[in-house]
Amino acid sequence: MSTSRSNRVKAAIGTVSLTGAAMGFLAACGTGEDEQEARTVYCVDEQDRVVDEEQCEEAERNGGYVGGLPFFFLLGGFGGNRYAVGQTIPQQYTGGATRINPADSSARSRNGMPGSGRVSSGTRISGGIGSGGGGGGS
């Protein structure tokens, strides 16, 4: 193999390696952005139907229940969709979501929400120890 051809092969291999590294870097950057998008909260009933925030506010004062029915903050990724009161969040989005009992102030704080008080449905949540997914109390 001539020196000229050898240098071209090395240059081509170097370009492929750098391109692969750049794509990996960009994919990693995109992942962080997806995690941010995935941090939206809704006040829901046990059928994952969005309810008025007042239900979670009242549930906070009553151990997570209103009239014997449980209410939750549902925190997760919803495919960029926004849901209004009365709409049910599809199961494809709720499976990986975190359910948080409105009365559990430490779970709320761990997941980037205020420890008490009203949290508006559709609010984007950032920060918190739990950002990036995972458990949470119910």
N, C-alpha and C. Protein backbone atom coordinates (compact mmCIF):
# COMPACT_ATOMS: atom_id res chain seq x y z
N MET A 1 0.85 -1.16 0.00
CA MET A 1 0.00 0.00 0.00
C MET A 1 0.90 1.23 0.00
N SER A 2 0.60 2.19 -0.84
CA SER A 2 1.44 3.39 -0.91
C SER A 2 1.18 4.28 0.28
N THR A 3 2.11 5.19 0.54
CA THR A 3 1.99 6.12 1.68
C THR A 3 0.79 7.02 1.51
N SER A 4 0.53 7.47 0.28
CA SER A 4 -0.61 8.35 0.01
C SER A 4 -1.93 7.63 0.32
N ARG A 5 -2.03 6.40 -0.15
CA ARG A 5 -3.27 5.63 0.09
C ARG A 5 -3.42 5.33 1.58
N SER A 6 -2.34 5.00 2.25
CA SER A 6 -2.36 4.71 3.68
C SER A 6 -2.86 5.91 4.47
N ASN A 7 -2.41 7.10 4.11
CA ASN A 7 -2.85 8.33 4.80
C ASN A 7 -4.34 8.59 4.58
N ARG A 8 -4.82 8.30 3.34
CA ARG A 8 -6.25 8.50 3.06
C ARG A 8 -7.10 7.53 3.88
N VAL A 9 -6.68 6.30 4.03
CA VAL A 9 -7.40 5.31 4.83
C VAL A 9 -7.44 5.75 6.28
N LYS A 10 -6.30 6.19 6.82
CA LYS A 10 -6.25 6.67 8.21
C LYS A 10 -7.17 7.88 8.39
N ALA A 11 -7.18 8.79 7.42
CA ALA A 11 -8.04 9.98 7.51
C ALA A 11 -9.51 9.57 7.50
N ALA A 12 -9.86 8.61 6.64
CA ALA A 12 -11.26 8.16 6.58
C ALA A 12 -11.68 7.50 7.88
N ILE A 13 -10.80 6.68 8.45
CA ILE A 13 -11.12 6.03 9.73
C ILE A 13 -11.26 7.08 10.82
N GLY A 14 -10.39 8.07 10.83
CA GLY A 14 -10.47 9.15 11.83
C GLY A 14 -11.76 9.93 11.70
N THR A 15 -12.21 10.20 10.47
CA THR A 15 -13.45 10.94 10.25
C THR A 15 -14.64 10.14 10.75
N VAL A 16 -14.67 8.84 10.47
CA VAL A 16 -15.76 7.99 10.93
C VAL A 16 -15.80 7.97 12.45
N SER A 17 -14.64 7.86 13.09
CA SER A 17 -14.58 7.82 14.55
C SER A 17 -15.08 9.12 15.15
N LEU A 18 -14.65 10.24 14.59
CA LEU A 18 -15.10 11.54 15.11
C LEU A 18 -16.59 11.73 14.89
N THR A 19 -17.09 11.31 13.74
CA THR A 19 -18.51 11.43 13.46
C THR A 19 -19.31 10.60 14.46
N GLY A 20 -18.87 9.37 14.72
CA GLY A 20 -19.55 8.52 15.70
C GLY A 20 -19.53 9.13 17.08
N ALA A 21 -18.39 9.70 17.48
CA ALA A 21 -18.29 10.34 18.79
C ALA A 21 -19.22 11.54 18.88
N ALA A 22 -19.28 12.33 17.80
CA ALA A 22 -20.15 13.51 17.80
C ALA A 22 -21.61 13.09 17.90
N MET A 23 -21.99 12.02 17.19
CA MET A 23 -23.38 11.56 17.25
C MET A 23 -23.72 11.06 18.66
N GLY A 24 -22.79 10.36 19.28
CA GLY A 24 -23.01 9.90 20.65
C GLY A 24 -23.19 11.07 21.61
N PHE A 25 -22.38 12.11 21.41
CA PHE A 25 -22.48 13.30 22.26
C PHE A 25 -23.83 13.97 22.06
N LEU A 26 -24.25 14.12 20.80
CA LEU A 26 -25.53 14.76 20.54
C LEU A 26 -26.69 13.94 21.08
N ALA A 27 -26.59 12.62 20.99
CA ALA A 27 -27.64 11.76 21.54
C ALA A 27 -27.72 11.94 23.05
N ALA A 28 -26.57 12.05 23.71
CA ALA A 28 -26.57 12.26 25.16
C ALA A 28 -27.17 13.61 25.51
N CYS A 29 -26.89 14.62 24.71
CA CYS A 29 -27.47 15.94 24.95
C CYS A 29 -28.99 15.88 24.80
N GLY A 30 -29.44 15.17 23.78
CA GLY A 30 -30.88 15.04 23.55
C GLY A 30 -31.57 14.33 24.70
N THR A 31 -30.90 13.39 25.33
CA THR A 31 -31.48 12.64 26.43
C THR A 31 -31.82 13.57 27.59
N GLY A 32 -30.93 14.49 27.91
CA GLY A 32 -31.19 15.43 28.99
C GLY A 32 -32.40 16.28 28.71
N GLU A 33 -32.55 16.67 27.45
CA GLU A 33 -33.68 17.49 27.06
C GLU A 33 -34.97 16.70 27.20
N ASP A 34 -34.93 15.41 26.80
CA ASP A 34 -36.11 14.57 26.92
C ASP A 34 -36.52 14.41 28.38
N GLU A 35 -35.54 14.29 29.28
CA GLU A 35 -35.86 14.16 30.69
C GLU A 35 -36.57 15.41 31.19
N GLN A 36 -36.13 16.58 30.72
CA GLN A 36 -36.79 17.81 31.13
C GLN A 36 -38.24 17.81 30.64
N GLU A 37 -38.45 17.43 29.37
CA GLU A 37 -39.80 17.39 28.84
C GLU A 37 -40.66 16.41 29.64
N ALA A 38 -40.05 15.36 30.14
CA ALA A 38 -40.76 14.30 30.82
C ALA A 38 -41.19 14.67 32.22
N ARG A 39 -40.94 15.88 32.65
CA ARG A 39 -41.24 16.29 34.01
C ARG A 39 -42.43 17.24 34.04
N THR A 40 -43.60 16.72 33.78
CA THR A 40 -44.83 17.49 33.84
C THR A 40 -45.73 16.84 34.87
N VAL A 41 -46.50 17.65 35.59
CA VAL A 41 -47.33 17.11 36.66
C VAL A 41 -48.81 17.40 36.38
N TYR A 42 -49.63 16.41 36.72
CA TYR A 42 -51.09 16.54 36.64
C TYR A 42 -51.70 16.01 37.91
N CYS A 43 -52.79 16.62 38.34
CA CYS A 43 -53.59 16.10 39.44
C CYS A 43 -54.60 15.15 38.81
N VAL A 44 -54.56 13.88 39.25
CA VAL A 44 -55.42 12.86 38.64
C VAL A 44 -56.14 12.04 39.70
N ASP A 45 -57.22 11.38 39.25
CA ASP A 45 -57.92 10.42 40.12
C ASP A 45 -57.32 9.03 39.87
N GLU A 46 -57.91 8.00 40.47
CA GLU A 46 -57.33 6.66 40.34
C GLU A 46 -57.46 6.06 38.94
N GLN A 47 -58.26 6.67 38.06
CA GLN A 47 -58.36 6.21 36.66
C GLN A 47 -57.48 7.06 35.74
N ASP A 48 -56.60 7.87 36.32
CA ASP A 48 -55.70 8.75 35.58
C ASP A 48 -56.44 9.81 34.76
N ARG A 49 -57.61 10.17 35.23
CA ARG A 49 -58.37 11.27 34.63
C ARG A 49 -57.94 12.56 35.33
N VAL A 50 -57.60 13.56 34.53
CA VAL A 50 -57.17 14.85 35.08
C VAL A 50 -58.34 15.50 35.79
N VAL A 51 -58.09 15.93 37.02
CA VAL A 51 -59.12 16.60 37.82
C VAL A 51 -58.61 17.99 38.20
N ASP A 52 -59.50 18.81 38.70
CA ASP A 52 -59.12 20.16 39.12
C ASP A 52 -58.08 20.09 40.23
N GLU A 53 -57.12 21.01 40.20
CA GLU A 53 -56.05 21.04 41.20
C GLU A 53 -56.58 21.10 42.62
N GLU A 54 -57.79 21.63 42.79
CA GLU A 54 -58.37 21.72 44.13
C GLU A 54 -58.54 20.34 44.76
N GLN A 55 -58.73 19.30 43.92
CA GLN A 55 -58.86 17.94 44.45
C GLN A 55 -57.57 17.50 45.13
N CYS A 56 -56.43 17.77 44.52
CA CYS A 56 -55.15 17.41 45.13
C CYS A 56 -54.85 18.30 46.33
N GLU A 57 -55.29 19.54 46.26
CA GLU A 57 -55.10 20.44 47.40
C GLU A 57 -55.90 19.94 48.61
N GLU A 58 -57.14 19.51 48.37
CA GLU A 58 -57.96 18.97 49.45
C GLU A 58 -57.41 17.62 49.91
N ALA A 59 -56.95 16.79 48.96
CA ALA A 59 -56.37 15.49 49.31
C ALA A 59 -55.12 15.67 50.17
N GLU A 60 -54.38 16.73 49.93
CA GLU A 60 -53.20 17.02 50.76
C GLU A 60 -53.60 17.16 52.23
N ARG A 61 -54.73 17.79 52.48
CA ARG A 61 -55.20 18.01 53.86
C ARG A 61 -55.85 16.77 54.47
N ASN A 62 -56.16 15.77 53.61
CA ASN A 62 -56.90 14.59 54.07
C ASN A 62 -56.19 13.28 53.77
N GLY A 63 -54.87 13.27 53.86
CA GLY A 63 -54.11 12.03 53.70
C GLY A 63 -54.10 11.43 52.31
N GLY A 64 -54.43 12.21 51.29
CA GLY A 64 -54.42 11.72 49.91
C GLY A 64 -55.80 11.38 49.37
N TYR A 65 -56.83 11.55 50.20
CA TYR A 65 -58.19 11.15 49.82
C TYR A 65 -59.16 12.33 49.90
N VAL A 66 -60.18 12.26 49.04
CA VAL A 66 -61.30 13.19 49.11
C VAL A 66 -62.55 12.34 48.97
N GLY A 67 -63.41 12.37 49.98
CA GLY A 67 -64.63 11.57 49.95
C GLY A 67 -64.34 10.08 49.81
N GLY A 68 -63.24 9.61 50.38
CA GLY A 68 -62.87 8.20 50.32
C GLY A 68 -62.18 7.78 49.03
N LEU A 69 -62.01 8.70 48.08
CA LEU A 69 -61.36 8.38 46.81
C LEU A 69 -59.94 8.96 46.79
N PRO A 70 -58.96 8.18 46.28
CA PRO A 70 -57.58 8.68 46.24
C PRO A 70 -57.35 9.62 45.06
N PHE A 71 -56.51 10.61 45.29
CA PHE A 71 -56.06 11.52 44.25
C PHE A 71 -54.55 11.57 44.31
N PHE A 72 -53.92 11.80 43.15
CA PHE A 72 -52.47 11.77 43.05
C PHE A 72 -51.96 12.92 42.21
N PHE A 73 -50.69 13.22 42.41
CA PHE A 73 -49.95 14.00 41.42
C PHE A 73 -49.32 12.94 40.53
N LEU A 74 -49.51 13.05 39.24
CA LEU A 74 -48.89 12.14 38.28
C LEU A 74 -47.78 12.94 37.60
N LEU A 75 -46.56 12.47 37.75
CA LEU A 75 -45.39 13.20 37.26
C LEU A 75 -44.64 12.32 36.27
N GLY A 76 -44.50 12.81 35.05
CA GLY A 76 -43.78 12.01 34.07
C GLY A 76 -43.81 12.61 32.69
N GLY A 77 -43.63 11.72 31.71
CA GLY A 77 -43.61 12.14 30.31
C GLY A 77 -44.96 11.87 29.67
N PHE A 78 -45.43 12.82 28.95
CA PHE A 78 -46.75 12.69 28.35
C PHE A 78 -46.69 12.96 26.85
N GLY A 79 -45.53 12.66 26.26
CA GLY A 79 -45.37 12.77 24.81
C GLY A 79 -45.56 14.17 24.25
N GLY A 80 -45.34 15.18 25.08
CA GLY A 80 -45.53 16.55 24.62
C GLY A 80 -47.00 16.96 24.58
N ASN A 81 -47.90 16.06 24.97
CA ASN A 81 -49.33 16.37 24.97
C ASN A 81 -49.71 17.13 26.23
N ARG A 82 -50.74 17.96 26.11
CA ARG A 82 -51.30 18.66 27.26
C ARG A 82 -52.70 18.12 27.47
N TYR A 83 -53.06 17.93 28.73
CA TYR A 83 -54.36 17.37 29.05
C TYR A 83 -55.16 18.36 29.90
N ALA A 84 -56.45 18.40 29.62
CA ALA A 84 -57.35 19.29 30.34
C ALA A 84 -58.16 18.48 31.34
N VAL A 85 -58.77 19.20 32.28
CA VAL A 85 -59.64 18.56 33.27
C VAL A 85 -60.69 17.73 32.54
N GLY A 86 -60.85 16.48 32.98
CA GLY A 86 -61.81 15.56 32.38
C GLY A 86 -61.20 14.59 31.39
N GLN A 87 -60.01 14.90 30.88
CA GLN A 87 -59.35 13.99 29.95
C GLN A 87 -58.58 12.92 30.71
N THR A 88 -58.57 11.70 30.16
CA THR A 88 -57.81 10.61 30.76
C THR A 88 -56.46 10.52 30.05
N ILE A 89 -55.40 10.45 30.84
CA ILE A 89 -54.06 10.34 30.28
C ILE A 89 -53.88 8.89 29.82
N PRO A 90 -53.48 8.69 28.57
CA PRO A 90 -53.34 7.32 28.04
C PRO A 90 -52.33 6.49 28.82
N GLN A 91 -52.62 5.21 28.93
CA GLN A 91 -51.80 4.27 29.69
C GLN A 91 -50.35 4.23 29.18
N GLN A 92 -50.13 4.49 27.91
CA GLN A 92 -48.77 4.47 27.38
C GLN A 92 -47.89 5.50 28.08
N TYR A 93 -48.48 6.53 28.66
CA TYR A 93 -47.71 7.56 29.37
C TYR A 93 -47.72 7.37 30.88
N THR A 94 -48.72 6.68 31.40
CA THR A 94 -48.83 6.56 32.85
C THR A 94 -47.99 5.43 33.43
N GLY A 95 -47.65 4.44 32.61
CA GLY A 95 -46.88 3.29 33.10
C GLY A 95 -45.54 3.68 33.72
N GLY A 96 -44.85 4.62 33.11
CA GLY A 96 -43.54 5.04 33.61
C GLY A 96 -43.60 6.29 34.47
N ALA A 97 -44.80 6.78 34.74
CA ALA A 97 -44.95 8.01 35.52
C ALA A 97 -44.84 7.73 37.01
N THR A 98 -44.53 8.76 37.77
CA THR A 98 -44.43 8.67 39.22
C THR A 98 -45.74 9.18 39.82
N ARG A 99 -46.32 8.39 40.72
CA ARG A 99 -47.52 8.81 41.45
C ARG A 99 -47.08 9.31 42.81
N ILE A 100 -47.56 10.48 43.14
CA ILE A 100 -47.17 11.08 44.41
C ILE A 100 -48.43 11.44 45.19
N ASN A 101 -48.50 10.96 46.41
CA ASN A 101 -49.59 11.30 47.31
C ASN A 101 -49.47 12.79 47.62
N PRO A 102 -50.51 13.57 47.39
CA PRO A 102 -50.43 15.01 47.67
C PRO A 102 -50.09 15.34 49.12
N ALA A 103 -50.37 14.40 50.05
CA ALA A 103 -50.09 14.63 51.47
C ALA A 103 -48.65 14.29 51.85
N ASP A 104 -47.88 13.70 50.93
CA ASP A 104 -46.50 13.29 51.21
C ASP A 104 -45.54 14.42 50.84
N SER A 105 -45.30 15.31 51.79
CA SER A 105 -44.49 16.49 51.52
C SER A 105 -43.06 16.14 51.13
N SER A 106 -42.49 15.09 51.72
CA SER A 106 -41.10 14.74 51.38
C SER A 106 -41.03 14.18 49.95
N ALA A 107 -42.00 13.36 49.53
CA ALA A 107 -42.01 12.85 48.15
C ALA A 107 -42.20 13.99 47.16
N ARG A 108 -43.03 14.94 47.52
CA ARG A 108 -43.24 16.11 46.66
C ARG A 108 -41.93 16.86 46.49
N SER A 109 -41.26 17.13 47.59
CA SER A 109 -39.99 17.88 47.54
C SER A 109 -38.93 17.11 46.76
N ARG A 110 -38.82 15.81 47.01
CA ARG A 110 -37.83 14.99 46.29
C ARG A 110 -38.03 15.04 44.79
N ASN A 111 -39.24 15.25 44.36
CA ASN A 111 -39.56 15.24 42.94
C ASN A 111 -39.69 16.64 42.34
N GLY A 112 -39.17 17.66 43.06
CA GLY A 112 -39.09 19.00 42.50
C GLY A 112 -40.34 19.85 42.65
N MET A 113 -41.30 19.39 43.43
CA MET A 113 -42.52 20.17 43.65
C MET A 113 -42.43 20.84 45.01
N PRO A 114 -43.24 21.87 45.24
CA PRO A 114 -43.28 22.44 46.59
C PRO A 114 -43.81 21.39 47.56
N GLY A 115 -43.34 21.42 48.80
CA GLY A 115 -43.73 20.44 49.81
C GLY A 115 -45.19 20.52 50.20
N SER A 116 -45.82 21.65 49.92
CA SER A 116 -47.24 21.79 50.24
C SER A 116 -47.85 22.85 49.32
N GLY A 117 -49.18 22.88 49.31
CA GLY A 117 -49.88 23.88 48.52
C GLY A 117 -50.24 23.39 47.13
N ARG A 118 -50.89 24.27 46.40
CA ARG A 118 -51.40 23.93 45.08
C ARG A 118 -50.27 23.81 44.06
N VAL A 119 -50.41 22.80 43.21
CA VAL A 119 -49.54 22.62 42.05
C VAL A 119 -50.48 22.53 40.86
N SER A 120 -50.34 23.43 39.92
CA SER A 120 -51.24 23.45 38.76
C SER A 120 -50.94 22.32 37.80
N SER A 121 -51.99 21.66 37.34
CA SER A 121 -51.83 20.59 36.34
C SER A 121 -51.21 21.16 35.08
N GLY A 122 -50.29 20.40 34.50
CA GLY A 122 -49.60 20.83 33.29
C GLY A 122 -48.32 21.59 33.58
N THR A 123 -48.01 21.77 34.87
CA THR A 123 -46.80 22.49 35.24
C THR A 123 -45.58 21.64 34.94
N ARG A 124 -44.55 22.25 34.34
CA ARG A 124 -43.29 21.55 34.11
C ARG A 124 -42.47 21.66 35.37
N ILE A 125 -41.96 20.52 35.81
CA ILE A 125 -41.17 20.44 37.03
C ILE A 125 -39.72 20.19 36.65
N SER A 126 -38.81 20.94 37.27
CA SER A 126 -37.39 20.69 37.05
C SER A 126 -36.70 20.60 38.40
N GLY A 127 -35.58 19.91 38.40
CA GLY A 127 -34.83 19.77 39.64
C GLY A 127 -35.40 18.68 40.51
N GLY A 128 -34.97 18.68 41.76
CA GLY A 128 -35.42 17.65 42.69
C GLY A 128 -34.55 16.42 42.55
N ILE A 129 -34.42 15.69 43.61
CA ILE A 129 -33.60 14.48 43.64
C ILE A 129 -34.17 13.46 42.66
N GLY A 130 -35.49 13.44 42.51
CA GLY A 130 -36.13 12.43 41.67
C GLY A 130 -36.11 12.74 40.20
N SER A 131 -35.57 13.88 39.77
CA SER A 131 -35.63 14.19 38.35
C SER A 131 -34.87 13.13 37.57
N GLY A 132 -35.47 12.72 36.47
CA GLY A 132 -34.90 11.65 35.67
C GLY A 132 -35.67 10.36 35.82
N GLY A 133 -36.74 10.36 36.61
CA GLY A 133 -37.61 9.19 36.69
C GLY A 133 -37.63 8.57 38.06
N GLY A 134 -38.27 7.44 38.16
CA GLY A 134 -38.24 6.67 39.39
C GLY A 134 -39.49 6.76 40.21
N GLY A 135 -39.37 6.30 41.44
CA GLY A 135 -40.46 6.04 42.38
C GLY A 135 -41.27 7.22 42.83
N GLY A 136 -41.31 7.43 44.12
CA GLY A 136 -42.19 8.44 44.70
C GLY A 136 -43.25 7.77 45.52
N GLY A 137 -43.73 8.46 46.53
CA GLY A 137 -44.71 7.85 47.41
C GLY A 137 -46.10 7.93 46.85
N SER A 138 -46.95 7.03 47.31
CA SER A 138 -48.35 7.12 46.93
C SER A 138 -49.22 6.87 48.11
